Amino acid sequence: MGPGAVLLLGATVILQSASLRETVAALPPVYPWVVFGVGLLLGWRFKRSQLVVALVVLFVAERALVFFPDAGPSSTGRIVSAAIALALPLDLAALAWLTERSISSLTGRVVLGLILVGELLAVALLLRPEVAHVAQALQHVPVGLPWMKMPQPALVAFLAAIVLAMMRFVLRPTVIQSSFAWTLIAAFLALNGGNPASTVYLATGGLVLVISLIETSHRMAFSDELTGLPSRRALTDALMRLPELYTVAMIDIDHFKKLNDQHGHAAGDQVLRLIGSTLTRTEGGGRPFRYGGEEFAVLFPGKSTDEALPYLEDLRETIEASSFVVRGGNRPKARPEKPVRSSGGLRRVAITVSIGVAEPEQSGVDPEDVIRAADQALYRAKQDGRNRVCVAE
C-alpha cells in the first residue's frame, strides 16, 4: 500500500469518525494553505513544472468550492461544482501524460495557460441565463445510486481520467505517475461530498503529490539511475551506521574502457546494468552500491574479511561464468516481421571483475580509510592479472 492509499484512508477515517472530526475541526481552513504553499515552493525549487501546475489546479478547485458553496439545484455553487467535477479529472489526466520537457517549453506553457483560462471562462459562461440548459445537463445525477452525488458527465470524465492515469503508470511506473492516480481518487471523493470533505480530500490529493516529489528527489539523490543500486551518497550514509566489525569490498570491471571502445557506450551501460543486477544477489548480507564509473562497492556489516571472502569468490565466479550479450550497433529497434540472421545483431562479451577487500584494523578507524585500503587491494588485484580477489595487507 503506497503513501497515497495510506493518506486517503487516514482522511476518510477522520471524516467518518465523529470524535476525530471534532478533534481536527480547526484543521480544514489551514490544511490546504499549508499543503499547497509548501508544495508550490518545493515544486519551484526542484523545477517540477508538472507537479506545480497540478497543485495550482487543485488549489483553484478547492478555493472555488469554498467561495461558491452548493446551495441547491441551479445555484451558482452547484453549477461551479459540476463544472469543476468535469474539468478537474481531465486536467489531471492530461498532466499525467505530459512530460516535464513539454510543460517547461514556451509552447507548452502557452497551451496550458490557454486551457486553464478557457476553463475559467467556460465556468463564467455557464452562469449566464442563456446557457441554463447546458448547466442543467451538467448537474444530472445518475438514478438508482443514492450515495452518488456527482453528476453523470463528471462521473464519466473521472472514469476516463483514472483509466488514462493507470495506463500512463503502466507505461511509465514512477512514483509521480502513481501519485496522479491517487490524486484523481482523492478528487473524486472530494467532489462526491461537500465541505469540509472536499477541502480535506483535495488538500490530501495535493499532499500525495508533494510526498511523491520528495520521494522522487530522495531516490535521485540516493539511487543510481542506470543500475538501480544505491549511489555513492547512499554509501557514505551507510558508512556512518556500520558496527565496529565490517568488511568493504571494492569491485571494478576488467578492461571496461576497451569494452566501451569496441562495442560503444550503449553496450557499456548494458554491462553496468547486468553487473548491478548480479551484485543485488550477493549472499552473506552483502549490500551493493554504485561507487562511480565501472567501480562498485559491497558492504558486509558484522562480518570479517575471512567471513566475507567466500561470498565474494562466489560473486566473482558467477560474473566470470555468465554469458553477457550486447546489442549490435546495426540491430533494428523494432522487431522485424520475419527473423533476419545477422552476425552483428548479438555479440557475446566475456566479463570479469577484480575485487579488493579490507576491514578496519582497530576500533574507531575512519571508514574512508578502510575504503582506501580496499582500493589499494583492488589495484593489486589488477596488477596481479585481474579476475581475482585480493585482501588488504
Protein backbone atom coordinates (compact mmCIF):
# COMPACT_ATOMS: atom_id res chain seq x y z
CA MET A 1 0.00 0.00 0.00
CA GLY A 2 1.58 3.26 -1.11
CA PRO A 3 1.58 6.65 0.66
CA GLY A 4 -1.40 7.79 -1.42
CA ALA A 5 -3.59 4.94 -0.18
CA VAL A 6 -2.50 5.49 3.43
CA LEU A 7 -3.21 9.24 3.29
CA LEU A 8 -6.63 8.81 1.68
CA LEU A 9 -7.54 6.09 4.16
CA GLY A 10 -6.49 8.36 7.03
CA ALA A 11 -8.54 11.26 5.66
CA THR A 12 -11.58 9.01 5.26
CA VAL A 13 -11.29 7.64 8.80
CA ILE A 14 -11.07 11.17 10.21
CA LEU A 15 -14.08 12.39 8.23
CA GLN A 16 -16.20 9.36 9.12
CA SER A 17 -15.36 9.39 12.84
CA ALA A 18 -17.30 12.00 14.84
CA SER A 19 -14.75 12.13 17.67
CA LEU A 20 -11.77 12.51 15.33
CA ARG A 21 -13.64 15.06 13.20
CA GLU A 22 -14.24 17.23 16.26
CA THR A 23 -10.59 16.94 17.28
CA VAL A 24 -9.33 18.25 13.93
CA ALA A 25 -12.23 20.65 13.32
CA ALA A 26 -9.87 23.63 13.10
CA LEU A 27 -7.62 21.90 10.54
CA PRO A 28 -9.57 22.19 7.20
CA PRO A 29 -9.21 26.01 6.80
CA VAL A 30 -5.42 25.84 7.35
CA TYR A 31 -4.69 22.44 5.79
CA PRO A 32 -4.85 23.41 2.07
CA TRP A 33 -2.82 26.59 2.55
CA VAL A 34 -0.01 24.66 4.24
CA VAL A 35 -0.03 21.76 1.77
CA PHE A 36 -0.27 23.81 -1.42
CA GLY A 37 2.09 26.50 -0.15
CA VAL A 38 4.82 24.02 0.75
CA GLY A 39 4.16 22.01 -2.42
CA LEU A 40 4.48 25.02 -4.71
CA LEU A 41 7.72 26.09 -3.05
CA LEU A 42 9.22 22.58 -3.37
CA GLY A 43 7.98 22.19 -6.95
CA TRP A 44 9.52 25.53 -7.90
CA ARG A 45 12.76 24.69 -6.07
CA PHE A 46 13.15 21.31 -7.78
CA LYS A 47 11.88 22.61 -11.13
CA ARG A 48 8.92 20.23 -11.37
CA SER A 49 6.50 22.15 -13.57
CA GLN A 50 4.20 19.15 -13.92
CA LEU A 51 3.53 18.99 -10.18
CA VAL A 52 3.39 22.79 -9.80
CA VAL A 53 0.60 23.04 -12.39
CA ALA A 54 -1.25 20.09 -10.81
CA LEU A 55 -1.06 21.74 -7.37
CA VAL A 56 -2.30 25.05 -8.79
CA VAL A 57 -5.26 23.30 -10.46
CA LEU A 58 -6.16 21.52 -7.21
CA PHE A 59 -5.82 24.70 -5.15
CA VAL A 60 -8.00 26.72 -7.54
CA ALA A 61 -10.63 23.97 -7.46
CA GLU A 62 -10.57 23.86 -3.65
CA ARG A 63 -10.88 27.64 -3.31
CA ALA A 64 -13.72 27.77 -5.84
CA LEU A 65 -15.70 25.16 -3.90
CA VAL A 66 -15.19 27.15 -0.69
CA PHE A 67 -16.19 30.52 -2.21
CA PHE A 68 -19.20 29.07 -4.05
CA PRO A 69 -20.89 26.64 -1.66
CA ASP A 70 -23.61 24.38 -3.02
CA ALA A 71 -26.96 25.97 -2.17
CA GLY A 72 -29.22 23.60 -4.09
CA PRO A 73 -30.17 22.87 -7.73
CA SER A 74 -29.35 25.57 -10.29
CA SER A 75 -27.49 27.63 -7.66
CA THR A 76 -24.17 29.19 -8.54
CA GLY A 77 -22.37 26.79 -6.21
CA ARG A 78 -23.99 23.73 -7.81
CA ILE A 79 -23.03 24.91 -11.32
CA VAL A 80 -19.45 25.69 -10.27
CA SER A 81 -19.15 22.30 -8.55
CA ALA A 82 -20.46 20.46 -11.63
CA ALA A 83 -18.05 22.34 -13.93
CA ILE A 84 -15.08 21.62 -11.66
CA ALA A 85 -16.08 17.94 -11.42
CA LEU A 86 -16.00 17.76 -15.21
CA ALA A 87 -12.78 19.72 -15.85
CA LEU A 88 -10.55 18.70 -12.91
CA PRO A 89 -10.15 14.97 -13.76
CA LEU A 90 -9.41 15.78 -17.40
CA ASP A 91 -6.79 18.34 -16.35
CA LEU A 92 -5.07 15.87 -14.02
CA ALA A 93 -5.13 13.09 -16.65
CA ALA A 94 -3.63 15.43 -19.24
CA LEU A 95 -0.88 16.48 -16.82
CA ALA A 96 -0.10 12.83 -16.08
CA TRP A 97 0.56 12.22 -19.77
CA LEU A 98 2.54 15.40 -20.41
CA THR A 99 6.30 15.30 -19.95
CA GLU A 100 8.36 17.75 -17.95
CA ARG A 101 10.03 18.96 -21.13
CA SER A 102 6.77 19.66 -22.95
CA ILE A 103 5.36 21.59 -19.98
CA SER A 104 8.55 23.61 -19.49
CA SER A 105 8.70 24.70 -23.13
CA LEU A 106 7.23 28.04 -24.20
CA THR A 107 4.65 26.32 -26.40
CA GLY A 108 3.61 24.01 -23.58
CA ARG A 109 3.18 26.89 -21.15
CA VAL A 110 1.11 28.87 -23.64
CA VAL A 111 -1.15 25.87 -24.34
CA LEU A 112 -1.61 25.14 -20.63
CA GLY A 113 -2.34 28.81 -19.96
CA LEU A 114 -4.96 28.92 -22.70
CA ILE A 115 -6.62 25.73 -21.42
CA LEU A 116 -6.83 27.00 -17.83
CA VAL A 117 -8.07 30.44 -18.87
CA GLY A 118 -10.56 28.80 -21.23
CA GLU A 119 -11.92 26.64 -18.42
CA LEU A 120 -12.40 29.69 -16.17
CA LEU A 121 -14.24 31.47 -18.97
CA ALA A 122 -16.37 28.38 -19.56
CA VAL A 123 -17.42 28.34 -15.89
CA ALA A 124 -18.32 32.03 -16.09
CA LEU A 125 -20.33 31.34 -19.26
CA LEU A 126 -22.26 28.51 -17.56
CA LEU A 127 -23.52 31.02 -15.00
CA ARG A 128 -25.26 33.02 -17.73
CA PRO A 129 -29.06 32.51 -18.03
CA GLU A 130 -28.73 31.97 -21.80
CA VAL A 131 -26.97 28.60 -21.31
CA ALA A 132 -29.05 27.42 -18.35
CA HIS A 133 -29.98 24.24 -20.24
CA VAL A 134 -26.30 23.29 -20.58
CA ALA A 135 -25.67 23.95 -16.88
CA GLN A 136 -28.72 21.83 -16.04
CA ALA A 137 -27.39 18.94 -18.14
CA LEU A 138 -24.03 19.06 -16.31
CA GLN A 139 -25.87 18.64 -12.99
CA HIS A 140 -27.71 15.44 -13.95
CA VAL A 141 -27.10 12.82 -11.22
CA PRO A 142 -27.35 9.06 -12.03
CA VAL A 143 -30.62 7.46 -10.90
CA GLY A 144 -30.51 4.45 -8.60
CA LEU A 145 -27.28 5.37 -6.82
CA PRO A 146 -28.28 7.22 -3.65
CA TRP A 147 -24.68 7.50 -2.44
CA MET A 148 -23.59 9.10 -5.72
CA LYS A 149 -23.80 12.91 -5.56
CA MET A 150 -21.56 13.51 -8.56
CA PRO A 151 -23.24 14.46 -11.89
CA GLN A 152 -23.22 11.83 -14.61
CA PRO A 153 -20.98 13.77 -17.10
CA ALA A 154 -18.41 14.28 -14.33
CA LEU A 155 -18.58 10.58 -13.40
CA VAL A 156 -17.76 9.62 -16.98
CA ALA A 157 -14.89 12.13 -17.00
CA PHE A 158 -13.46 10.68 -13.77
CA LEU A 159 -13.66 7.09 -15.02
CA ALA A 160 -11.90 8.04 -18.26
CA ALA A 161 -9.26 10.07 -16.38
CA ILE A 162 -8.48 7.26 -13.91
CA VAL A 163 -8.12 4.77 -16.78
CA LEU A 164 -5.77 7.16 -18.60
CA ALA A 165 -3.71 7.73 -15.44
CA MET A 166 -3.40 3.98 -14.84
CA MET A 167 -2.37 3.42 -18.46
CA ARG A 168 0.30 6.08 -18.05
CA PHE A 169 1.53 4.40 -14.88
CA VAL A 170 1.75 1.03 -16.64
CA LEU A 171 3.82 2.58 -19.44
CA ARG A 172 5.97 4.59 -17.03
CA PRO A 173 5.77 3.16 -13.49
CA THR A 174 7.18 6.05 -11.47
CA VAL A 175 6.25 7.46 -8.07
CA ILE A 176 4.90 10.64 -9.66
CA GLN A 177 2.67 8.76 -12.10
CA SER A 178 1.30 6.68 -9.22
CA SER A 179 0.60 9.88 -7.28
CA PHE A 180 -1.54 11.23 -10.14
CA ALA A 181 -3.77 8.15 -9.96
CA TRP A 182 -4.23 8.54 -6.20
CA THR A 183 -4.83 12.28 -6.58
CA LEU A 184 -7.63 11.56 -9.05
CA ILE A 185 -9.24 9.24 -6.50
CA ALA A 186 -8.90 11.98 -3.86
CA ALA A 187 -10.54 14.47 -6.23
CA PHE A 188 -13.38 12.02 -6.88
CA LEU A 189 -14.03 11.64 -3.13
CA ALA A 190 -13.85 15.42 -2.70
CA LEU A 191 -16.37 16.23 -5.41
CA ASN A 192 -18.73 13.46 -4.34
CA GLY A 193 -19.14 15.11 -0.92
CA GLY A 194 -19.49 18.59 0.49
CA ASN A 195 -17.36 20.75 2.73
CA PRO A 196 -15.29 20.11 4.78
CA ALA A 197 -14.80 16.78 2.97
CA SER A 198 -13.98 18.47 -0.35
CA THR A 199 -11.30 20.64 1.25
CA VAL A 200 -9.77 17.73 3.17
CA TYR A 201 -9.69 15.37 0.18
CA LEU A 202 -8.37 17.94 -2.32
CA ALA A 203 -5.65 19.03 0.11
CA THR A 204 -4.82 15.36 0.74
CA GLY A 205 -4.53 14.87 -3.03
CA GLY A 206 -2.08 17.76 -3.07
CA LEU A 207 -0.19 16.17 -0.17
CA VAL A 208 0.13 12.94 -2.17
CA LEU A 209 1.77 14.94 -4.99
CA VAL A 210 4.11 16.70 -2.54
CA ILE A 211 5.21 13.41 -0.98
CA SER A 212 5.84 11.94 -4.45
CA LEU A 213 8.07 14.92 -5.21
CA ILE A 214 10.05 14.41 -2.01
CA GLU A 215 10.33 10.66 -2.60
CA THR A 216 11.44 11.17 -6.21
CA SER A 217 14.08 13.72 -5.17
CA HIS A 218 15.34 11.34 -2.47
CA ARG A 219 15.63 8.49 -4.97
CA MET A 220 17.51 10.70 -7.42
CA ALA A 221 19.97 11.65 -4.67
CA PHE A 222 20.47 8.20 -3.15
CA SER A 223 19.89 5.84 -6.09
CA ASP A 224 21.91 5.29 -9.26
CA GLU A 225 19.61 5.75 -12.25
CA LEU A 226 21.49 3.39 -14.57
CA THR A 227 21.90 0.32 -12.36
CA GLY A 228 19.18 0.91 -9.78
CA LEU A 229 21.71 0.36 -6.98
CA PRO A 230 22.16 2.78 -4.09
CA SER A 231 24.53 5.58 -5.09
CA ARG A 232 27.82 6.77 -3.61
CA ARG A 233 25.92 9.23 -1.43
CA ALA A 234 23.91 6.31 -0.01
CA LEU A 235 27.20 4.50 0.63
CA THR A 236 28.52 7.50 2.58
CA ASP A 237 25.33 7.48 4.62
CA ALA A 238 25.59 3.71 5.24
CA LEU A 239 29.23 4.01 6.38
CA MET A 240 28.08 6.22 9.27
CA ARG A 241 25.84 3.44 10.62
CA LEU A 242 28.22 0.47 10.46
CA PRO A 243 29.04 -1.64 13.52
CA GLU A 244 32.63 -1.92 14.75
CA LEU A 245 33.18 -5.07 12.67
CA TYR A 246 32.54 -4.85 8.93
CA THR A 247 34.14 -5.56 5.57
CA VAL A 248 34.32 -3.35 2.49
CA ALA A 249 34.80 -4.83 -0.99
CA MET A 250 35.66 -2.59 -3.94
CA ILE A 251 34.80 -4.14 -7.31
CA ASP A 252 35.99 -2.95 -10.71
CA ILE A 253 35.04 -4.30 -14.15
CA ASP A 254 38.14 -5.51 -16.00
CA HIS A 255 39.02 -3.85 -19.34
CA PHE A 256 35.88 -1.71 -19.24
CA LYS A 257 37.42 1.10 -21.32
CA LYS A 258 38.35 -1.41 -24.01
CA LEU A 259 34.79 -2.75 -23.99
CA ASN A 260 33.42 0.78 -24.45
CA ASP A 261 35.83 1.47 -27.31
CA GLN A 262 35.00 -1.78 -29.14
CA HIS A 263 31.26 -2.04 -28.54
CA GLY A 264 30.15 1.50 -27.74
CA HIS A 265 28.85 3.23 -24.63
CA ALA A 266 25.40 1.68 -25.01
CA ALA A 267 26.97 -1.76 -24.59
CA GLY A 268 28.98 -0.45 -21.65
CA ASP A 269 25.79 0.74 -19.99
CA GLN A 270 24.22 -2.65 -20.57
CA VAL A 271 27.16 -4.38 -18.88
CA LEU A 272 26.94 -1.98 -15.92
CA ARG A 273 23.27 -2.82 -15.52
CA LEU A 274 23.99 -6.54 -15.69
CA ILE A 275 26.78 -6.28 -13.11
CA GLY A 276 24.50 -4.23 -10.89
CA SER A 277 21.78 -6.87 -11.17
CA THR A 278 24.28 -9.61 -10.28
CA LEU A 279 25.52 -7.68 -7.24
CA THR A 280 21.98 -7.49 -5.84
CA ARG A 281 22.16 -11.28 -5.47
CA THR A 282 25.27 -11.15 -3.29
CA GLU A 283 24.85 -13.54 -0.37
CA GLY A 284 26.13 -13.25 3.19
CA GLY A 285 24.33 -9.98 3.87
CA GLY A 286 26.37 -8.01 1.34
CA ARG A 287 24.91 -4.61 0.42
CA PRO A 288 25.94 -3.39 -3.07
CA PHE A 289 26.45 0.24 -4.13
CA ARG A 290 27.41 2.02 -7.35
CA TYR A 291 30.63 3.83 -6.43
CA GLY A 292 31.26 5.56 -9.74
CA GLY A 293 32.24 4.74 -13.32
CA GLU A 294 32.81 0.99 -13.58
CA GLU A 295 33.51 0.65 -9.86
CA PHE A 296 31.13 -0.79 -7.27
CA ALA A 297 31.25 -1.34 -3.52
CA VAL A 298 29.78 -4.06 -1.33
CA LEU A 299 29.43 -3.71 2.46
CA PHE A 300 29.30 -6.68 4.82
CA PRO A 301 28.17 -5.31 8.19
CA GLY A 302 29.17 -7.53 11.13
CA LYS A 303 31.50 -9.74 9.04
CA SER A 304 35.27 -10.00 8.87
CA THR A 305 37.19 -10.37 5.62
CA ASP A 306 37.60 -14.10 6.25
CA GLU A 307 33.82 -14.45 6.57
CA ALA A 308 33.09 -12.29 3.50
CA LEU A 309 35.71 -13.85 1.17
CA PRO A 310 33.69 -16.99 0.22
CA TYR A 311 30.74 -14.85 -0.85
CA LEU A 312 33.00 -12.54 -2.89
CA GLU A 313 34.68 -15.51 -4.59
CA ASP A 314 31.24 -16.89 -5.48
CA LEU A 315 30.32 -13.45 -6.86
CA ARG A 316 33.48 -13.25 -8.96
CA GLU A 317 32.96 -16.77 -10.34
CA THR A 318 29.29 -16.06 -11.10
CA ILE A 319 30.24 -12.99 -13.16
CA GLU A 320 33.05 -14.88 -14.93
CA ALA A 321 30.72 -17.76 -15.84
CA SER A 322 27.90 -15.51 -17.01
CA SER A 323 27.25 -15.00 -20.70
CA PHE A 324 26.79 -11.28 -21.36
CA VAL A 325 25.10 -10.50 -24.65
CA VAL A 326 25.18 -6.94 -26.00
CA ARG A 327 23.15 -5.47 -28.84
CA GLY A 328 24.87 -4.88 -32.13
CA GLY A 329 25.04 -1.35 -33.47
CA ASN A 330 23.05 -2.28 -36.58
CA ARG A 331 20.30 -4.12 -34.73
CA PRO A 332 16.86 -2.60 -35.55
CA LYS A 333 14.90 -1.08 -32.64
CA ALA A 334 11.62 -2.64 -33.80
CA ARG A 335 11.27 -6.39 -34.16
CA PRO A 336 11.01 -7.32 -37.87
CA GLU A 337 8.10 -9.41 -39.12
CA LYS A 338 10.50 -12.07 -40.43
CA PRO A 339 13.63 -13.03 -38.46
CA VAL A 340 16.83 -11.96 -40.21
CA ARG A 341 20.06 -13.80 -39.49
CA SER A 342 22.82 -11.35 -38.75
CA SER A 343 26.18 -11.90 -37.11
CA GLY A 344 26.12 -8.31 -35.86
CA GLY A 345 22.77 -8.48 -34.12
CA LEU A 346 24.01 -10.11 -30.94
CA ARG A 347 27.54 -10.26 -29.55
CA ARG A 348 28.75 -12.24 -26.57
CA VAL A 349 31.24 -10.45 -24.35
CA ALA A 350 33.36 -12.06 -21.65
CA ILE A 351 33.23 -10.01 -18.45
CA THR A 352 35.35 -10.40 -15.34
CA VAL A 353 35.88 -8.29 -12.24
CA SER A 354 38.72 -7.58 -9.83
CA ILE A 355 37.93 -7.22 -6.14
CA GLY A 356 39.79 -5.58 -3.27
CA VAL A 357 38.74 -6.33 0.30
CA ALA A 358 39.52 -4.62 3.61
CA GLU A 359 38.26 -4.37 7.18
CA PRO A 360 39.09 -1.90 9.98
CA GLU A 361 42.36 -2.83 11.70
CA GLN A 362 41.13 -1.47 15.01
CA SER A 363 38.08 0.15 16.58
CA GLY A 364 37.39 3.74 15.63
CA VAL A 365 39.07 3.65 12.21
CA ASP A 366 37.58 6.10 9.69
CA PRO A 367 35.51 4.09 7.13
CA GLU A 368 37.04 6.20 4.35
CA ASP A 369 40.45 4.77 5.34
CA VAL A 370 39.00 1.26 5.02
CA ILE A 371 37.71 2.10 1.55
CA ARG A 372 41.16 3.40 0.56
CA ALA A 373 42.71 0.16 1.82
CA ALA A 374 40.20 -1.86 -0.23
CA ASP A 375 41.03 0.30 -3.27
CA GLN A 376 44.73 -0.43 -2.85
CA ALA A 377 43.95 -4.15 -2.67
CA LEU A 378 41.85 -3.73 -5.84
CA TYR A 379 44.78 -2.14 -7.71
CA ARG A 380 46.99 -5.02 -6.59
CA ALA A 381 44.42 -7.50 -7.91
CA LYS A 382 44.58 -5.77 -11.30
CA GLN A 383 48.39 -5.74 -11.29
CA ASP A 384 48.44 -9.46 -10.46
CA GLY A 385 46.42 -10.31 -13.58
CA ARG A 386 42.80 -9.24 -12.86
CA ASN A 387 39.81 -11.51 -12.28
CA ARG A 388 40.78 -12.19 -8.68
CA VAL A 389 40.13 -11.17 -5.09
CA CYS A 390 42.88 -9.54 -3.03
CA VAL A 391 42.78 -8.68 0.68
CA ALA A 392 44.37 -5.51 2.04
CA GLU A 393 47.69 -6.14 3.74
